[in-house]
Amino acid sequence: MRPLTEEETRVMFEKIAKYIGENLQLLVDRPDGTYCFRLHNDRVYYVSEKILKLAANISGDKLVSLGTCFGKFTKTHKFRLHITALDYLAPYAKYKVWIKPGAEQSFLYGNHVLKSGLGRITESTCQYQGVVVYSMADVPLGFGVAAKSTQDCRKVDPMAIVVFHQADIGEYVRHEETLT
């Protein structure tokens, strides 16, 4: 387990900033303690410094996981967010999409959100902006990328894709054996 390099930190923060913007500072400077990001086996973990000090007694090859897995670096050094980061992204999300109850199951099976399943969308959402997907009961279901801006969503046909799927809470069941 090691701290991230400057390049790794920049790539990771750029990806997270697509979803929460300047609220990124709230993840690191929390009132309940200091939290940090650590890299272990190409995965980035979000962990309290108090727990990090306790884990220093465990050797790196025996350590499986520590804290919450935010994502992983691919072999091409791109950062990919995992669904386990949803609980930390959802409260600070700048752009949100609410989907109708009939479209929830489709999204939770890994499909994109269509215009016919769109309930609401945050005003001034730009195209290709990171969004957090909610049910109409304000339960965070996952996150994705807006395929259309808010203005374009009003004009498109009902079968057009408005949100590209990135991750959803159904992955806990679908990828149970590989999710750490």
C-alpha atoms as a PDB file:
ATOM      1  CA  MET A   1       0.000   0.000   0.000  1.00  0.00           C
ATOM      2  CA  ARG A   2       1.544   3.266  -1.098  1.00  0.00           C
ATOM      3  CA  PRO A   3       0.522   6.894  -1.672  1.00  0.00           C
ATOM      4  CA  LEU A   4      -0.425   7.847  -5.211  1.00  0.00           C
ATOM      5  CA  THR A   5       2.111   9.588  -7.432  1.00  0.00           C
ATOM      6  CA  GLU A   6       1.356  13.094  -8.715  1.00  0.00           C
ATOM      7  CA  GLU A   7       0.304  11.743 -12.116  1.00  0.00           C
ATOM      8  CA  GLU A   8      -1.950   9.071 -10.596  1.00  0.00           C
ATOM      9  CA  THR A   9      -3.517  11.636  -8.261  1.00  0.00           C
ATOM     10  CA  ARG A  10      -4.166  14.040 -11.143  1.00  0.00           C
ATOM     11  CA  VAL A  11      -5.808  11.355 -13.302  1.00  0.00           C
ATOM     12  CA  MET A  12      -7.970  10.114 -10.421  1.00  0.00           C
ATOM     13  CA  PHE A  13      -9.057  13.599  -9.292  1.00  0.00           C
ATOM     14  CA  GLU A  14      -9.953  14.581 -12.873  1.00  0.00           C
ATOM     15  CA  LYS A  15     -12.226  11.546 -13.113  1.00  0.00           C
ATOM     16  CA  ILE A  16     -13.879  12.179  -9.738  1.00  0.00           C
ATOM     17  CA  ALA A  17     -14.257  15.900 -10.523  1.00  0.00           C
ATOM     18  CA  LYS A  18     -16.389  14.971 -13.559  1.00  0.00           C
ATOM     19  CA  TYR A  19     -19.035  13.818 -11.076  1.00  0.00           C
ATOM     20  CA  ILE A  20     -18.677  16.079  -8.035  1.00  0.00           C
ATOM     21  CA  GLY A  21     -16.773  19.131  -9.331  1.00  0.00           C
ATOM     22  CA  GLU A  22     -15.226  21.377  -6.712  1.00  0.00           C
ATOM     23  CA  ASN A  23     -16.834  19.291  -3.946  1.00  0.00           C
ATOM     24  CA  LEU A  24     -13.761  17.070  -4.302  1.00  0.00           C
ATOM     25  CA  GLN A  25     -12.176  19.019  -1.454  1.00  0.00           C
ATOM     26  CA  LEU A  26     -14.953  17.777   0.861  1.00  0.00           C
ATOM     27  CA  LEU A  27     -13.780  14.175   0.403  1.00  0.00           C
ATOM     28  CA  VAL A  28     -10.298  14.875   1.738  1.00  0.00           C
ATOM     29  CA  ASP A  29     -11.015  17.531   4.392  1.00  0.00           C
ATOM     30  CA  ARG A  30     -13.776  15.934   6.410  1.00  0.00           C
ATOM     31  CA  PRO A  31     -14.936  17.063   9.861  1.00  0.00           C
ATOM     32  CA  ASP A  32     -14.765  13.496  11.227  1.00  0.00           C
ATOM     33  CA  GLY A  33     -11.053  13.071  10.496  1.00  0.00           C
ATOM     34  CA  THR A  34      -8.467  13.066   7.758  1.00  0.00           C
ATOM     35  CA  TYR A  35      -8.955  10.700   4.848  1.00  0.00           C
ATOM     36  CA  CYS A  36      -6.510   9.811   2.099  1.00  0.00           C
ATOM     37  CA  PHE A  37      -6.199   7.745  -1.065  1.00  0.00           C
ATOM     38  CA  ARG A  38      -3.813   4.794  -1.224  1.00  0.00           C
ATOM     39  CA  LEU A  39      -2.855   2.481  -4.084  1.00  0.00           C
ATOM     40  CA  HIS A  40      -2.675  -1.288  -3.680  1.00  0.00           C
ATOM     41  CA  ASN A  41      -2.602  -3.761  -6.600  1.00  0.00           C
ATOM     42  CA  ASP A  42      -3.675  -1.039  -9.112  1.00  0.00           C
ATOM     43  CA  ARG A  43      -6.746  -0.256  -6.983  1.00  0.00           C
ATOM     44  CA  VAL A  44      -7.264   3.057  -5.211  1.00  0.00           C
ATOM     45  CA  TYR A  45      -8.642   2.892  -1.685  1.00  0.00           C
ATOM     46  CA  TYR A  46     -10.198   5.724   0.327  1.00  0.00           C
ATOM     47  CA  VAL A  47      -9.235   5.228   3.949  1.00  0.00           C
ATOM     48  CA  SER A  48      -9.103   7.077   7.244  1.00  0.00           C
ATOM     49  CA  GLU A  49      -5.587   7.899   8.421  1.00  0.00           C
ATOM     50  CA  LYS A  50      -6.414   6.325  11.785  1.00  0.00           C
ATOM     51  CA  ILE A  51      -7.160   2.971  10.132  1.00  0.00           C
ATOM     52  CA  LEU A  52      -4.170   3.386   7.824  1.00  0.00           C
ATOM     53  CA  LYS A  53      -1.844   3.587  10.834  1.00  0.00           C
ATOM     54  CA  LEU A  54      -3.369   0.426  12.306  1.00  0.00           C
ATOM     55  CA  ALA A  55      -2.925  -1.412   8.996  1.00  0.00           C
ATOM     56  CA  ALA A  56       0.795  -0.601   8.912  1.00  0.00           C
ATOM     57  CA  ASN A  57       1.348  -3.776  10.954  1.00  0.00           C
ATOM     58  CA  ILE A  58       0.108  -5.964   8.079  1.00  0.00           C
ATOM     59  CA  SER A  59       2.530  -6.870   5.311  1.00  0.00           C
ATOM     60  CA  GLY A  60       1.613  -5.751   1.786  1.00  0.00           C
ATOM     61  CA  ASP A  61       1.381  -9.255   0.319  1.00  0.00           C
ATOM     62  CA  LYS A  62      -1.083 -10.348   3.034  1.00  0.00           C
ATOM     63  CA  LEU A  63      -3.265  -7.225   2.723  1.00  0.00           C
ATOM     64  CA  VAL A  64      -6.301  -7.797   0.502  1.00  0.00           C
ATOM     65  CA  SER A  65      -8.238  -4.545   0.927  1.00  0.00           C
ATOM     66  CA  LEU A  66      -8.314  -1.480   3.143  1.00  0.00           C
ATOM     67  CA  GLY A  67     -11.039   1.134   3.333  1.00  0.00           C
ATOM     68  CA  THR A  68     -13.348   1.693   0.381  1.00  0.00           C
ATOM     69  CA  CYS A  69     -12.251   0.854  -3.148  1.00  0.00           C
ATOM     70  CA  PHE A  70     -12.825   3.968  -5.284  1.00  0.00           C
ATOM     71  CA  GLY A  71     -11.635   2.480  -8.533  1.00  0.00           C
ATOM     72  CA  LYS A  72      -8.693   1.038 -10.352  1.00  0.00           C
ATOM     73  CA  PHE A  73      -6.048   2.007 -12.837  1.00  0.00           C
ATOM     74  CA  THR A  74      -6.192   0.137 -16.116  1.00  0.00           C
ATOM     75  CA  LYS A  75      -3.113  -1.142 -17.913  1.00  0.00           C
ATOM     76  CA  THR A  76      -3.155   2.036 -20.041  1.00  0.00           C
ATOM     77  CA  HIS A  77      -3.037   4.143 -16.823  1.00  0.00           C
ATOM     78  CA  LYS A  78      -6.615   5.381 -17.082  1.00  0.00           C
ATOM     79  CA  PHE A  79      -8.728   5.516 -13.933  1.00  0.00           C
ATOM     80  CA  ARG A  80     -12.009   3.616 -13.789  1.00  0.00           C
ATOM     81  CA  LEU A  81     -14.451   4.339 -10.958  1.00  0.00           C
ATOM     82  CA  HIS A  82     -16.065   1.392  -9.176  1.00  0.00           C
ATOM     83  CA  ILE A  83     -19.605   1.266  -7.885  1.00  0.00           C
ATOM     84  CA  THR A  84     -18.241   1.101  -4.330  1.00  0.00           C
ATOM     85  CA  ALA A  85     -17.496   4.852  -4.651  1.00  0.00           C
ATOM     86  CA  LEU A  86     -21.187   5.683  -5.158  1.00  0.00           C
ATOM     87  CA  ASP A  87     -21.871   6.306  -1.452  1.00  0.00           C
ATOM     88  CA  TYR A  88     -19.191   9.016  -1.466  1.00  0.00           C
ATOM     89  CA  LEU A  89     -20.067  10.550  -4.854  1.00  0.00           C
ATOM     90  CA  ALA A  90     -23.856  10.741  -4.472  1.00  0.00           C
ATOM     91  CA  PRO A  91     -24.073  13.341  -1.667  1.00  0.00           C
ATOM     92  CA  TYR A  92     -21.761  15.745  -3.512  1.00  0.00           C
ATOM     93  CA  ALA A  93     -22.984  15.197  -7.086  1.00  0.00           C
ATOM     94  CA  LYS A  94     -23.450  18.371  -9.127  1.00  0.00           C
ATOM     95  CA  TYR A  95     -25.490  16.796 -11.895  1.00  0.00           C
ATOM     96  CA  LYS A  96     -28.191  14.231 -11.227  1.00  0.00           C
ATOM     97  CA  VAL A  97     -30.614  12.180 -13.269  1.00  0.00           C
ATOM     98  CA  TRP A  98     -33.771  10.595 -11.853  1.00  0.00           C
ATOM     99  CA  ILE A  99     -35.238   7.625 -13.685  1.00  0.00           C
ATOM    100  CA  LYS A 100     -38.777   6.295 -13.695  1.00  0.00           C
ATOM    101  CA  PRO A 101     -39.596   3.101 -11.762  1.00  0.00           C
ATOM    102  CA  GLY A 102     -40.101   1.158 -15.001  1.00  0.00           C
ATOM    103  CA  ALA A 103     -36.569   2.008 -16.192  1.00  0.00           C
ATOM    104  CA  GLU A 104     -34.824   1.187 -12.902  1.00  0.00           C
ATOM    105  CA  GLN A 105     -34.601  -2.543 -13.575  1.00  0.00           C
ATOM    106  CA  SER A 106     -33.189  -1.981 -17.055  1.00  0.00           C
ATOM    107  CA  PHE A 107     -30.513   0.346 -15.648  1.00  0.00           C
ATOM    108  CA  LEU A 108     -29.677  -2.092 -12.846  1.00  0.00           C
ATOM    109  CA  TYR A 109     -29.101  -4.794 -15.464  1.00  0.00           C
ATOM    110  CA  GLY A 110     -26.386  -2.631 -17.026  1.00  0.00           C
ATOM    111  CA  ASN A 111     -28.321  -0.869 -19.808  1.00  0.00           C
ATOM    112  CA  HIS A 112     -28.201   2.796 -20.785  1.00  0.00           C
ATOM    113  CA  VAL A 113     -31.001   5.175 -19.761  1.00  0.00           C
ATOM    114  CA  LEU A 114     -33.429   6.005 -22.568  1.00  0.00           C
ATOM    115  CA  LYS A 115     -35.476   9.205 -22.871  1.00  0.00           C
ATOM    116  CA  SER A 116     -38.637   7.192 -22.154  1.00  0.00           C
ATOM    117  CA  GLY A 117     -37.219   6.211 -18.743  1.00  0.00           C
ATOM    118  CA  LEU A 118     -36.003   9.677 -17.806  1.00  0.00           C
ATOM    119  CA  GLY A 119     -37.900  11.232 -14.902  1.00  0.00           C
ATOM    120  CA  ARG A 120     -35.914  14.438 -14.259  1.00  0.00           C
ATOM    121  CA  ILE A 121     -32.500  15.827 -15.032  1.00  0.00           C
ATOM    122  CA  THR A 122     -30.546  18.632 -13.395  1.00  0.00           C
ATOM    123  CA  GLU A 123     -30.774  21.908 -15.307  1.00  0.00           C
ATOM    124  CA  SER A 124     -27.728  22.977 -17.326  1.00  0.00           C
ATOM    125  CA  THR A 125     -26.284  19.468 -17.589  1.00  0.00           C
ATOM    126  CA  CYS A 126     -23.814  19.456 -20.470  1.00  0.00           C
ATOM    127  CA  GLN A 127     -23.264  16.639 -22.935  1.00  0.00           C
ATOM    128  CA  TYR A 128     -20.666  14.078 -21.729  1.00  0.00           C
ATOM    129  CA  GLN A 129     -20.936  15.380 -18.153  1.00  0.00           C
ATOM    130  CA  GLY A 130     -20.684  12.814 -15.343  1.00  0.00           C
ATOM    131  CA  VAL A 131     -24.055  12.274 -13.637  1.00  0.00           C
ATOM    132  CA  VAL A 132     -25.287  10.270 -10.679  1.00  0.00           C
ATOM    133  CA  VAL A 133     -28.433   8.259 -11.427  1.00  0.00           C
ATOM    134  CA  TYR A 134     -31.198   8.224  -8.807  1.00  0.00           C
ATOM    135  CA  SER A 135     -34.563   6.513  -8.531  1.00  0.00           C
ATOM    136  CA  MET A 136     -37.592   8.782  -8.215  1.00  0.00           C
ATOM    137  CA  ALA A 137     -37.444   8.061  -4.451  1.00  0.00           C
ATOM    138  CA  ASP A 138     -33.941   9.693  -4.304  1.00  0.00           C
ATOM    139  CA  VAL A 139     -32.072   6.407  -3.873  1.00  0.00           C
ATOM    140  CA  PRO A 140     -28.706   6.487  -5.695  1.00  0.00           C
ATOM    141  CA  LEU A 141     -28.599   3.656  -8.242  1.00  0.00           C
ATOM    142  CA  GLY A 142     -25.332   4.313 -10.042  1.00  0.00           C
ATOM    143  CA  PHE A 143     -23.543   6.767 -12.263  1.00  0.00           C
ATOM    144  CA  GLY A 144     -23.011   7.430 -15.909  1.00  0.00           C
ATOM    145  CA  VAL A 145     -22.248  10.033 -18.539  1.00  0.00           C
ATOM    146  CA  ALA A 146     -24.901  12.309 -20.054  1.00  0.00           C
ATOM    147  CA  ALA A 147     -25.302  11.453 -23.733  1.00  0.00           C
ATOM    148  CA  LYS A 148     -27.381  14.580 -24.323  1.00  0.00           C
ATOM    149  CA  SER A 149     -27.506  17.990 -22.688  1.00  0.00           C
ATOM    150  CA  THR A 150     -30.612  19.058 -20.762  1.00  0.00           C
ATOM    151  CA  GLN A 151     -31.809  21.108 -23.746  1.00  0.00           C
ATOM    152  CA  ASP A 152     -31.297  18.220 -26.183  1.00  0.00           C
ATOM    153  CA  CYS A 153     -33.194  15.796 -23.906  1.00  0.00           C
ATOM    154  CA  ARG A 154     -36.381  17.800 -24.430  1.00  0.00           C
ATOM    155  CA  LYS A 155     -36.256  17.383 -28.216  1.00  0.00           C
ATOM    156  CA  VAL A 156     -35.116  13.777 -28.771  1.00  0.00           C
ATOM    157  CA  ASP A 157     -37.362  10.791 -29.488  1.00  0.00           C
ATOM    158  CA  PRO A 158     -38.333   8.428 -26.626  1.00  0.00           C
ATOM    159  CA  MET A 159     -35.930   5.655 -27.690  1.00  0.00           C
ATOM    160  CA  ALA A 160     -32.817   7.863 -27.743  1.00  0.00           C
ATOM    161  CA  ILE A 161     -30.099   7.246 -25.153  1.00  0.00           C
ATOM    162  CA  VAL A 162     -29.778  10.134 -22.678  1.00  0.00           C
ATOM    163  CA  VAL A 163     -27.328   8.589 -20.150  1.00  0.00           C
ATOM    164  CA  PHE A 164     -24.542   6.154 -20.926  1.00  0.00           C
ATOM    165  CA  HIS A 165     -24.244   3.492 -18.238  1.00  0.00           C
ATOM    166  CA  GLN A 166     -20.972   3.448 -16.250  1.00  0.00           C
ATOM    167  CA  ALA A 167     -21.784   1.552 -13.041  1.00  0.00           C
ATOM    168  CA  ASP A 168     -24.838   0.540 -11.039  1.00  0.00           C
ATOM    169  CA  ILE A 169     -25.645  -1.144  -7.735  1.00  0.00           C
ATOM    170  CA  GLY A 170     -26.673  -4.303  -9.605  1.00  0.00           C
ATOM    171  CA  GLU A 171     -22.944  -4.974 -10.061  1.00  0.00           C
ATOM    172  CA  TYR A 172     -22.800  -6.125  -6.449  1.00  0.00           C
ATOM    173  CA  VAL A 173     -24.765  -9.181  -7.558  1.00  0.00           C
ATOM    174  CA  ARG A 174     -23.542  -9.541 -11.159  1.00  0.00           C
ATOM    175  CA  HIS A 175     -19.800  -9.255 -10.364  1.00  0.00           C
ATOM    176  CA  GLU A 176     -19.810 -10.513  -6.803  1.00  0.00           C
ATOM    177  CA  GLU A 177     -16.678 -12.639  -7.159  1.00  0.00           C
ATOM    178  CA  THR A 178     -14.451  -9.920  -8.667  1.00  0.00           C
ATOM    179  CA  LEU A 179     -15.603  -6.831  -6.730  1.00  0.00           C
ATOM    180  CA  THR A 180     -13.239  -5.832  -3.913  1.00  0.00           C
END
